[in-house]
Amino acid sequence: MKYSNTIFNSTAAGAEYLRLKEKFNEISRKIVNDRKEVHLKNPDILKDTKNLSFLDVLLTIKYEDGKSLSMEDILEEASVFIFEGHDTTASGISWSLFLLSQQPEHMARC
């Protein structure tokens, strides 16, 4: 479901969110562009398929028509990869703490 962020974006927190989001995208674009330059200067780097980073894989993906992923596609995939890792870690820690809280004898030792 889509919803409007107009009200949130007009608050101080919304403005800060937008500023940080743009900064994140700026840094991400720089990282992607720097890696593209590395590929152009040293195409042999892609021959070692066992040590390719996730970004290298995204940069080498081609659609059936031969087109590469757009910058926006790459940024979206990388963002999902980064933030899902954080979400998984946070969920694991939360559940661990919850389960520990259900065991007072173990909590006493912590």
C-alpha atoms as a PDB file:
ATOM      1  CA  MET A   1       0.000   0.000   0.000  1.00  0.00           C
ATOM      2  CA  LYS A   2       1.371   3.389  -0.936  1.00  0.00           C
ATOM      3  CA  TYR A   3       0.951   6.330   1.380  1.00  0.00           C
ATOM      4  CA  SER A   4       1.952   9.943   1.321  1.00  0.00           C
ATOM      5  CA  ASN A   5       4.979  11.153   3.268  1.00  0.00           C
ATOM      6  CA  THR A   6       4.021  14.794   2.843  1.00  0.00           C
ATOM      7  CA  ILE A   7       3.260  15.401   6.510  1.00  0.00           C
ATOM      8  CA  PHE A   8       6.266  13.461   7.786  1.00  0.00           C
ATOM      9  CA  ASN A   9       8.606  15.129   5.290  1.00  0.00           C
ATOM     10  CA  SER A  10       7.504  18.545   6.516  1.00  0.00           C
ATOM     11  CA  THR A  11       8.654  17.776  10.069  1.00  0.00           C
ATOM     12  CA  ALA A  12      12.198  18.164  11.397  1.00  0.00           C
ATOM     13  CA  ALA A  13      12.544  14.381  11.602  1.00  0.00           C
ATOM     14  CA  GLY A  14      11.351  14.048   8.000  1.00  0.00           C
ATOM     15  CA  ALA A  15      13.814  16.655   6.778  1.00  0.00           C
ATOM     16  CA  GLU A  16      16.637  14.886   8.618  1.00  0.00           C
ATOM     17  CA  TYR A  17      15.534  11.543   7.142  1.00  0.00           C
ATOM     18  CA  LEU A  18      15.557  12.976   3.607  1.00  0.00           C
ATOM     19  CA  ARG A  19      18.968  14.571   4.156  1.00  0.00           C
ATOM     20  CA  LEU A  20      20.459  11.310   5.439  1.00  0.00           C
ATOM     21  CA  LYS A  21      18.790   9.284   2.692  1.00  0.00           C
ATOM     22  CA  GLU A  22      20.306  11.556   0.047  1.00  0.00           C
ATOM     23  CA  LYS A  23      23.729  11.333   1.733  1.00  0.00           C
ATOM     24  CA  PHE A  24      23.462   7.533   1.782  1.00  0.00           C
ATOM     25  CA  ASN A  25      22.529   7.492  -1.925  1.00  0.00           C
ATOM     26  CA  GLU A  26      25.400   9.869  -2.740  1.00  0.00           C
ATOM     27  CA  ILE A  27      27.927   7.645  -0.968  1.00  0.00           C
ATOM     28  CA  SER A  28      26.441   4.517  -2.585  1.00  0.00           C
ATOM     29  CA  ARG A  29      26.650   6.041  -6.074  1.00  0.00           C
ATOM     30  CA  LYS A  30      30.289   6.973  -5.473  1.00  0.00           C
ATOM     31  CA  ILE A  31      31.113   3.412  -4.375  1.00  0.00           C
ATOM     32  CA  VAL A  32      29.376   1.946  -7.455  1.00  0.00           C
ATOM     33  CA  ASN A  33      31.061   4.396  -9.831  1.00  0.00           C
ATOM     34  CA  ASP A  34      34.476   3.773  -8.254  1.00  0.00           C
ATOM     35  CA  ARG A  35      34.003   0.032  -8.675  1.00  0.00           C
ATOM     36  CA  LYS A  36      32.934   0.508 -12.314  1.00  0.00           C
ATOM     37  CA  GLU A  37      36.187   2.390 -12.910  1.00  0.00           C
ATOM     38  CA  VAL A  38      38.152  -0.480 -11.370  1.00  0.00           C
ATOM     39  CA  HIS A  39      36.400  -2.890 -13.772  1.00  0.00           C
ATOM     40  CA  LEU A  40      37.256  -0.674 -16.750  1.00  0.00           C
ATOM     41  CA  LYS A  41      40.911  -0.335 -15.748  1.00  0.00           C
ATOM     42  CA  ASN A  42      41.351  -3.990 -14.825  1.00  0.00           C
ATOM     43  CA  PRO A  43      38.839  -6.292 -16.576  1.00  0.00           C
ATOM     44  CA  ASP A  44      40.813  -9.347 -15.411  1.00  0.00           C
ATOM     45  CA  ILE A  45      39.410  -8.786 -11.930  1.00  0.00           C
ATOM     46  CA  LEU A  46      36.185 -10.462 -13.104  1.00  0.00           C
ATOM     47  CA  LYS A  47      37.953 -13.697 -14.072  1.00  0.00           C
ATOM     48  CA  ASP A  48      38.326 -14.773 -10.430  1.00  0.00           C
ATOM     49  CA  THR A  49      34.648 -15.671  -9.967  1.00  0.00           C
ATOM     50  CA  LYS A  50      35.231 -17.202  -6.517  1.00  0.00           C
ATOM     51  CA  ASN A  51      36.188 -13.854  -5.004  1.00  0.00           C
ATOM     52  CA  LEU A  52      33.669 -11.519  -6.619  1.00  0.00           C
ATOM     53  CA  SER A  53      31.865  -9.184  -4.268  1.00  0.00           C
ATOM     54  CA  PHE A  54      28.105  -8.716  -4.378  1.00  0.00           C
ATOM     55  CA  LEU A  55      28.669  -5.370  -6.085  1.00  0.00           C
ATOM     56  CA  ASP A  56      30.854  -7.020  -8.742  1.00  0.00           C
ATOM     57  CA  VAL A  57      28.057  -9.489  -9.462  1.00  0.00           C
ATOM     58  CA  LEU A  58      25.493  -6.683  -9.752  1.00  0.00           C
ATOM     59  CA  LEU A  59      27.760  -4.786 -12.128  1.00  0.00           C
ATOM     60  CA  THR A  60      28.214  -7.812 -14.405  1.00  0.00           C
ATOM     61  CA  ILE A  61      24.553  -8.884 -14.611  1.00  0.00           C
ATOM     62  CA  LYS A  62      23.016  -8.491 -18.054  1.00  0.00           C
ATOM     63  CA  TYR A  63      19.370  -8.686 -19.059  1.00  0.00           C
ATOM     64  CA  GLU A  64      18.358 -10.982 -21.927  1.00  0.00           C
ATOM     65  CA  ASP A  65      18.590  -8.018 -24.298  1.00  0.00           C
ATOM     66  CA  GLY A  66      22.208  -7.406 -23.216  1.00  0.00           C
ATOM     67  CA  LYS A  67      21.563  -4.305 -21.127  1.00  0.00           C
ATOM     68  CA  SER A  68      23.209  -3.913 -17.742  1.00  0.00           C
ATOM     69  CA  LEU A  69      21.387  -3.040 -14.556  1.00  0.00           C
ATOM     70  CA  SER A  70      20.736   0.678 -14.158  1.00  0.00           C
ATOM     71  CA  MET A  71      22.332   2.645 -11.331  1.00  0.00           C
ATOM     72  CA  GLU A  72      18.949   2.727  -9.556  1.00  0.00           C
ATOM     73  CA  ASP A  73      18.584  -1.059  -9.869  1.00  0.00           C
ATOM     74  CA  ILE A  74      22.051  -1.601  -8.421  1.00  0.00           C
ATOM     75  CA  LEU A  75      21.440   0.831  -5.557  1.00  0.00           C
ATOM     76  CA  GLU A  76      18.111  -0.794  -4.734  1.00  0.00           C
ATOM     77  CA  GLU A  77      19.575  -4.313  -4.671  1.00  0.00           C
ATOM     78  CA  ALA A  78      22.545  -3.218  -2.582  1.00  0.00           C
ATOM     79  CA  SER A  79      20.297  -1.373  -0.122  1.00  0.00           C
ATOM     80  CA  VAL A  80      18.090  -4.423   0.341  1.00  0.00           C
ATOM     81  CA  PHE A  81      21.161  -6.587   0.883  1.00  0.00           C
ATOM     82  CA  ILE A  82      22.653  -4.173   3.448  1.00  0.00           C
ATOM     83  CA  PHE A  83      19.500  -3.433   5.403  1.00  0.00           C
ATOM     84  CA  GLU A  84      18.134  -6.964   5.460  1.00  0.00           C
ATOM     85  CA  GLY A  85      21.371  -8.045   7.114  1.00  0.00           C
ATOM     86  CA  HIS A  86      20.832  -5.477   9.828  1.00  0.00           C
ATOM     87  CA  ASP A  87      17.200  -6.522  10.239  1.00  0.00           C
ATOM     88  CA  THR A  88      18.128 -10.190  10.584  1.00  0.00           C
ATOM     89  CA  THR A  89      20.776  -9.395  13.191  1.00  0.00           C
ATOM     90  CA  ALA A  90      18.415  -7.160  15.163  1.00  0.00           C
ATOM     91  CA  SER A  91      15.698  -9.834  15.116  1.00  0.00           C
ATOM     92  CA  GLY A  92      18.138 -12.502  16.281  1.00  0.00           C
ATOM     93  CA  ILE A  93      19.375 -10.369  19.166  1.00  0.00           C
ATOM     94  CA  SER A  94      15.809  -9.420  20.152  1.00  0.00           C
ATOM     95  CA  TRP A  95      14.683 -13.036  20.244  1.00  0.00           C
ATOM     96  CA  SER A  96      17.780 -14.083  22.194  1.00  0.00           C
ATOM     97  CA  LEU A  97      17.121 -11.428  24.818  1.00  0.00           C
ATOM     98  CA  PHE A  98      13.444 -12.355  24.989  1.00  0.00           C
ATOM     99  CA  LEU A  99      14.216 -16.043  25.463  1.00  0.00           C
ATOM    100  CA  LEU A 100      16.839 -15.250  28.087  1.00  0.00           C
ATOM    101  CA  SER A 101      14.298 -13.119  29.939  1.00  0.00           C
ATOM    102  CA  GLN A 102      12.067 -16.185  30.188  1.00  0.00           C
ATOM    103  CA  GLN A 103      14.808 -18.094  32.030  1.00  0.00           C
ATOM    104  CA  PRO A 104      15.495 -16.275  35.345  1.00  0.00           C
ATOM    105  CA  GLU A 105      18.216 -18.734  36.399  1.00  0.00           C
ATOM    106  CA  HIS A 106      20.211 -17.909  33.257  1.00  0.00           C
ATOM    107  CA  MET A 107      19.502 -14.187  33.522  1.00  0.00           C
ATOM    108  CA  ALA A 108      20.994 -14.202  37.026  1.00  0.00           C
ATOM    109  CA  ARG A 109      24.284 -15.458  35.576  1.00  0.00           C
ATOM    110  CA  CYS A 110      24.458 -12.671  32.966  1.00  0.00           C
END
